[in-house]
């Protein structure tokens, strides 16, 4: 595997609009090299018989049947507003004549 160079780190940092000092450039080069070594190890694993997955744990949605319910909470909701008139919220006039 090719070594990650300082110039490559500088180029990517420049593209990402990051300002890195010399220590950070060296540190990122070493860290990226370790990441690529790990990926190389993972590529050796035989995954031919492994099914594709998007999650480590299978998630199943639990749906309930939609049921029509009569729920008249108009007065309760109107009490939450600052002002009301009949069965409507009362708001300041915003349209000029």
C-alpha atoms as a PDB file:
ATOM      1  CA  UNK A   1       0.000   0.000   0.000  1.00  0.00           C
ATOM      2  CA  UNK A   2       1.305   3.432  -0.834  1.00  0.00           C
ATOM      3  CA  UNK A   3       2.124   5.792   1.976  1.00  0.00           C
ATOM      4  CA  UNK A   4      -0.033   8.867   2.534  1.00  0.00           C
ATOM      5  CA  UNK A   5       2.210  11.831   1.841  1.00  0.00           C
ATOM      6  CA  UNK A   6       2.230  15.177   3.566  1.00  0.00           C
ATOM      7  CA  UNK A   7       1.454  16.790   0.217  1.00  0.00           C
ATOM      8  CA  UNK A   8      -1.717  14.703  -0.122  1.00  0.00           C
ATOM      9  CA  UNK A   9      -2.815  15.725   3.366  1.00  0.00           C
ATOM     10  CA  UNK A  10      -2.116  19.374   2.542  1.00  0.00           C
ATOM     11  CA  UNK A  11      -4.100  19.093  -0.708  1.00  0.00           C
ATOM     12  CA  UNK A  12      -7.135  17.529   0.997  1.00  0.00           C
ATOM     13  CA  UNK A  13      -6.924  20.064   3.835  1.00  0.00           C
ATOM     14  CA  UNK A  14      -6.858  22.867   1.284  1.00  0.00           C
ATOM     15  CA  UNK A  15      -9.893  21.430  -0.540  1.00  0.00           C
ATOM     16  CA  UNK A  16     -11.720  21.148   2.795  1.00  0.00           C
ATOM     17  CA  UNK A  17     -10.706  24.713   3.694  1.00  0.00           C
ATOM     18  CA  UNK A  18      -8.793  23.497   6.769  1.00  0.00           C
ATOM     19  CA  UNK A  19      -5.728  25.211   8.137  1.00  0.00           C
ATOM     20  CA  UNK A  20      -3.341  22.605   9.528  1.00  0.00           C
ATOM     21  CA  UNK A  21       0.007  23.213  11.170  1.00  0.00           C
ATOM     22  CA  UNK A  22       2.988  20.916  10.539  1.00  0.00           C
ATOM     23  CA  UNK A  23       2.249  18.682  13.542  1.00  0.00           C
ATOM     24  CA  UNK A  24      -1.370  18.242  12.469  1.00  0.00           C
ATOM     25  CA  UNK A  25      -0.309  17.403   8.910  1.00  0.00           C
ATOM     26  CA  UNK A  26       2.087  14.712  10.183  1.00  0.00           C
ATOM     27  CA  UNK A  27      -0.523  13.379  12.619  1.00  0.00           C
ATOM     28  CA  UNK A  28      -3.257  13.183   9.968  1.00  0.00           C
ATOM     29  CA  UNK A  29      -0.912  11.452   7.530  1.00  0.00           C
ATOM     30  CA  UNK A  30      -0.139   8.770  10.144  1.00  0.00           C
ATOM     31  CA  UNK A  31      -3.800   8.356  11.080  1.00  0.00           C
ATOM     32  CA  UNK A  32      -4.929   8.061   7.459  1.00  0.00           C
ATOM     33  CA  UNK A  33      -2.220   5.473   6.840  1.00  0.00           C
ATOM     34  CA  UNK A  34      -3.519   3.401   9.776  1.00  0.00           C
ATOM     35  CA  UNK A  35      -7.089   3.666   8.483  1.00  0.00           C
ATOM     36  CA  UNK A  36      -6.041   2.447   5.029  1.00  0.00           C
ATOM     37  CA  UNK A  37      -4.103  -0.457   6.586  1.00  0.00           C
ATOM     38  CA  UNK A  38      -7.230  -1.457   8.500  1.00  0.00           C
ATOM     39  CA  UNK A  39      -9.327  -1.288   5.328  1.00  0.00           C
ATOM     40  CA  UNK A  40      -6.772  -3.512   3.597  1.00  0.00           C
ATOM     41  CA  UNK A  41      -7.244  -6.087   6.386  1.00  0.00           C
ATOM     42  CA  UNK A  42     -11.031  -5.920   5.996  1.00  0.00           C
ATOM     43  CA  UNK A  43     -10.756  -6.507   2.251  1.00  0.00           C
ATOM     44  CA  UNK A  44      -9.217  -9.938   2.960  1.00  0.00           C
ATOM     45  CA  UNK A  45     -12.394 -11.169   4.674  1.00  0.00           C
ATOM     46  CA  UNK A  46     -14.554 -13.490   2.564  1.00  0.00           C
ATOM     47  CA  UNK A  47     -18.064 -12.031   2.498  1.00  0.00           C
ATOM     48  CA  UNK A  48     -19.480 -14.015  -0.427  1.00  0.00           C
ATOM     49  CA  UNK A  49     -22.128 -15.780   1.692  1.00  0.00           C
ATOM     50  CA  UNK A  50     -23.017 -12.740   3.789  1.00  0.00           C
ATOM     51  CA  UNK A  51     -26.269 -10.976   2.967  1.00  0.00           C
ATOM     52  CA  UNK A  52     -26.201  -7.230   2.444  1.00  0.00           C
ATOM     53  CA  UNK A  53     -27.459  -5.217   5.377  1.00  0.00           C
ATOM     54  CA  UNK A  54     -27.934  -1.603   6.322  1.00  0.00           C
ATOM     55  CA  UNK A  55     -28.057  -2.100  10.097  1.00  0.00           C
ATOM     56  CA  UNK A  56     -26.303  -4.265  12.649  1.00  0.00           C
ATOM     57  CA  UNK A  57     -29.641  -4.995  14.327  1.00  0.00           C
ATOM     58  CA  UNK A  58     -32.780  -5.546  12.278  1.00  0.00           C
ATOM     59  CA  UNK A  59     -35.414  -2.888  12.875  1.00  0.00           C
ATOM     60  CA  UNK A  60     -39.084  -3.688  12.350  1.00  0.00           C
ATOM     61  CA  UNK A  61     -41.760  -1.012  12.317  1.00  0.00           C
ATOM     62  CA  UNK A  62     -44.866  -1.744  14.331  1.00  0.00           C
ATOM     63  CA  UNK A  63     -47.907  -0.255  12.679  1.00  0.00           C
ATOM     64  CA  UNK A  64     -51.339   0.160  14.154  1.00  0.00           C
ATOM     65  CA  UNK A  65     -54.556   0.160  12.232  1.00  0.00           C
ATOM     66  CA  UNK A  66     -55.804   3.629  11.350  1.00  0.00           C
ATOM     67  CA  UNK A  67     -59.021   4.254  13.173  1.00  0.00           C
ATOM     68  CA  UNK A  68     -61.307   7.221  12.861  1.00  0.00           C
ATOM     69  CA  UNK A  69     -61.943   8.775  16.253  1.00  0.00           C
ATOM     70  CA  UNK A  70     -64.093  11.702  17.209  1.00  0.00           C
ATOM     71  CA  UNK A  71     -62.028  14.016  19.368  1.00  0.00           C
ATOM     72  CA  UNK A  72     -63.267  17.521  19.984  1.00  0.00           C
ATOM     73  CA  UNK A  73     -60.488  19.324  21.784  1.00  0.00           C
ATOM     74  CA  UNK A  74     -61.137  22.703  20.115  1.00  0.00           C
ATOM     75  CA  UNK A  75     -61.730  24.539  23.385  1.00  0.00           C
ATOM     76  CA  UNK A  76     -58.625  23.068  24.991  1.00  0.00           C
ATOM     77  CA  UNK A  77     -56.498  24.131  22.024  1.00  0.00           C
ATOM     78  CA  UNK A  78     -57.998  27.609  21.931  1.00  0.00           C
ATOM     79  CA  UNK A  79     -57.096  28.065  25.603  1.00  0.00           C
ATOM     80  CA  UNK A  80     -53.429  27.619  24.660  1.00  0.00           C
ATOM     81  CA  UNK A  81     -53.454  30.713  22.457  1.00  0.00           C
ATOM     82  CA  UNK A  82     -53.063  34.299  23.676  1.00  0.00           C
ATOM     83  CA  UNK A  83     -56.484  35.447  22.435  1.00  0.00           C
ATOM     84  CA  UNK A  84     -59.612  33.876  20.960  1.00  0.00           C
ATOM     85  CA  UNK A  85     -62.914  34.909  19.445  1.00  0.00           C
ATOM     86  CA  UNK A  86     -65.709  32.328  19.188  1.00  0.00           C
ATOM     87  CA  UNK A  87     -63.966  29.162  17.990  1.00  0.00           C
ATOM     88  CA  UNK A  88     -60.977  30.887  16.340  1.00  0.00           C
ATOM     89  CA  UNK A  89     -57.626  32.312  17.404  1.00  0.00           C
ATOM     90  CA  UNK A  90     -57.691  36.100  17.407  1.00  0.00           C
ATOM     91  CA  UNK A  91     -54.590  37.670  15.861  1.00  0.00           C
ATOM     92  CA  UNK A  92     -53.589  41.253  15.115  1.00  0.00           C
ATOM     93  CA  UNK A  93     -54.562  42.654  11.728  1.00  0.00           C
ATOM     94  CA  UNK A  94     -51.609  42.452   9.335  1.00  0.00           C
ATOM     95  CA  UNK A  95     -53.195  43.643   6.074  1.00  0.00           C
ATOM     96  CA  UNK A  96     -53.258  47.364   5.395  1.00  0.00           C
ATOM     97  CA  UNK A  97     -56.379  48.819   3.824  1.00  0.00           C
END
